[in-house]
């Protein structure tokens, strides 16, 4: 991956994977906590 044109710079080291996944799970929960405004328009 260090010399790959696309994968190298985008690779997340495994030692950082847990923190990244915890952050992504938290972001997912926040985005799903409230209904979409689009679903309420026209009611």
C-alpha atoms as a PDB file:
ATOM      1  CA  UNK A   1       0.000   0.000   0.000  1.00  0.00           C
ATOM      2  CA  UNK A   2       2.846   2.450   0.585  1.00  0.00           C
ATOM      3  CA  UNK A   3       3.523   2.640  -3.160  1.00  0.00           C
ATOM      4  CA  UNK A   4      -0.008   2.133  -4.448  1.00  0.00           C
ATOM      5  CA  UNK A   5      -1.416   5.118  -6.296  1.00  0.00           C
ATOM      6  CA  UNK A   6      -4.772   5.041  -4.544  1.00  0.00           C
ATOM      7  CA  UNK A   7      -4.633   2.743  -1.519  1.00  0.00           C
ATOM      8  CA  UNK A   8      -1.460   3.926   0.205  1.00  0.00           C
ATOM      9  CA  UNK A   9      -2.442   7.479   1.190  1.00  0.00           C
ATOM     10  CA  UNK A  10      -5.999   6.387   2.069  1.00  0.00           C
ATOM     11  CA  UNK A  11      -5.145   3.406   4.255  1.00  0.00           C
ATOM     12  CA  UNK A  12      -6.019   3.683   7.951  1.00  0.00           C
ATOM     13  CA  UNK A  13      -3.444   1.988  10.184  1.00  0.00           C
ATOM     14  CA  UNK A  14      -4.983  -0.850  12.194  1.00  0.00           C
ATOM     15  CA  UNK A  15      -3.890   0.793  15.449  1.00  0.00           C
ATOM     16  CA  UNK A  16      -6.327   3.651  14.653  1.00  0.00           C
ATOM     17  CA  UNK A  17      -9.192   1.479  13.407  1.00  0.00           C
ATOM     18  CA  UNK A  18     -11.040   1.142  16.748  1.00  0.00           C
ATOM     19  CA  UNK A  19     -11.122   4.914  17.270  1.00  0.00           C
ATOM     20  CA  UNK A  20     -12.271   5.481  13.681  1.00  0.00           C
ATOM     21  CA  UNK A  21     -15.062   2.916  13.975  1.00  0.00           C
ATOM     22  CA  UNK A  22     -16.227   4.343  17.314  1.00  0.00           C
ATOM     23  CA  UNK A  23     -16.373   7.803  15.741  1.00  0.00           C
ATOM     24  CA  UNK A  24     -18.290   6.509  12.724  1.00  0.00           C
ATOM     25  CA  UNK A  25     -20.795   4.665  14.935  1.00  0.00           C
ATOM     26  CA  UNK A  26     -21.326   7.852  16.974  1.00  0.00           C
ATOM     27  CA  UNK A  27     -21.861   9.910  13.812  1.00  0.00           C
ATOM     28  CA  UNK A  28     -24.320   7.319  12.518  1.00  0.00           C
ATOM     29  CA  UNK A  29     -26.301   7.498  15.764  1.00  0.00           C
ATOM     30  CA  UNK A  30     -26.442  11.304  15.661  1.00  0.00           C
ATOM     31  CA  UNK A  31     -27.633  11.392  12.068  1.00  0.00           C
ATOM     32  CA  UNK A  32     -30.381   8.856  12.806  1.00  0.00           C
ATOM     33  CA  UNK A  33     -31.506  10.457  16.102  1.00  0.00           C
ATOM     34  CA  UNK A  34     -33.939  12.907  14.496  1.00  0.00           C
ATOM     35  CA  UNK A  35     -36.296  12.422  11.557  1.00  0.00           C
ATOM     36  CA  UNK A  36     -35.387  13.856   8.192  1.00  0.00           C
ATOM     37  CA  UNK A  37     -36.817  17.316   7.596  1.00  0.00           C
ATOM     38  CA  UNK A  38     -37.807  16.196   4.102  1.00  0.00           C
ATOM     39  CA  UNK A  39     -40.163  13.640   5.634  1.00  0.00           C
ATOM     40  CA  UNK A  40     -42.010  16.369   7.569  1.00  0.00           C
ATOM     41  CA  UNK A  41     -42.521  18.857   4.735  1.00  0.00           C
ATOM     42  CA  UNK A  42     -46.058  18.857   3.431  1.00  0.00           C
ATOM     43  CA  UNK A  43     -47.641  17.426   6.576  1.00  0.00           C
END
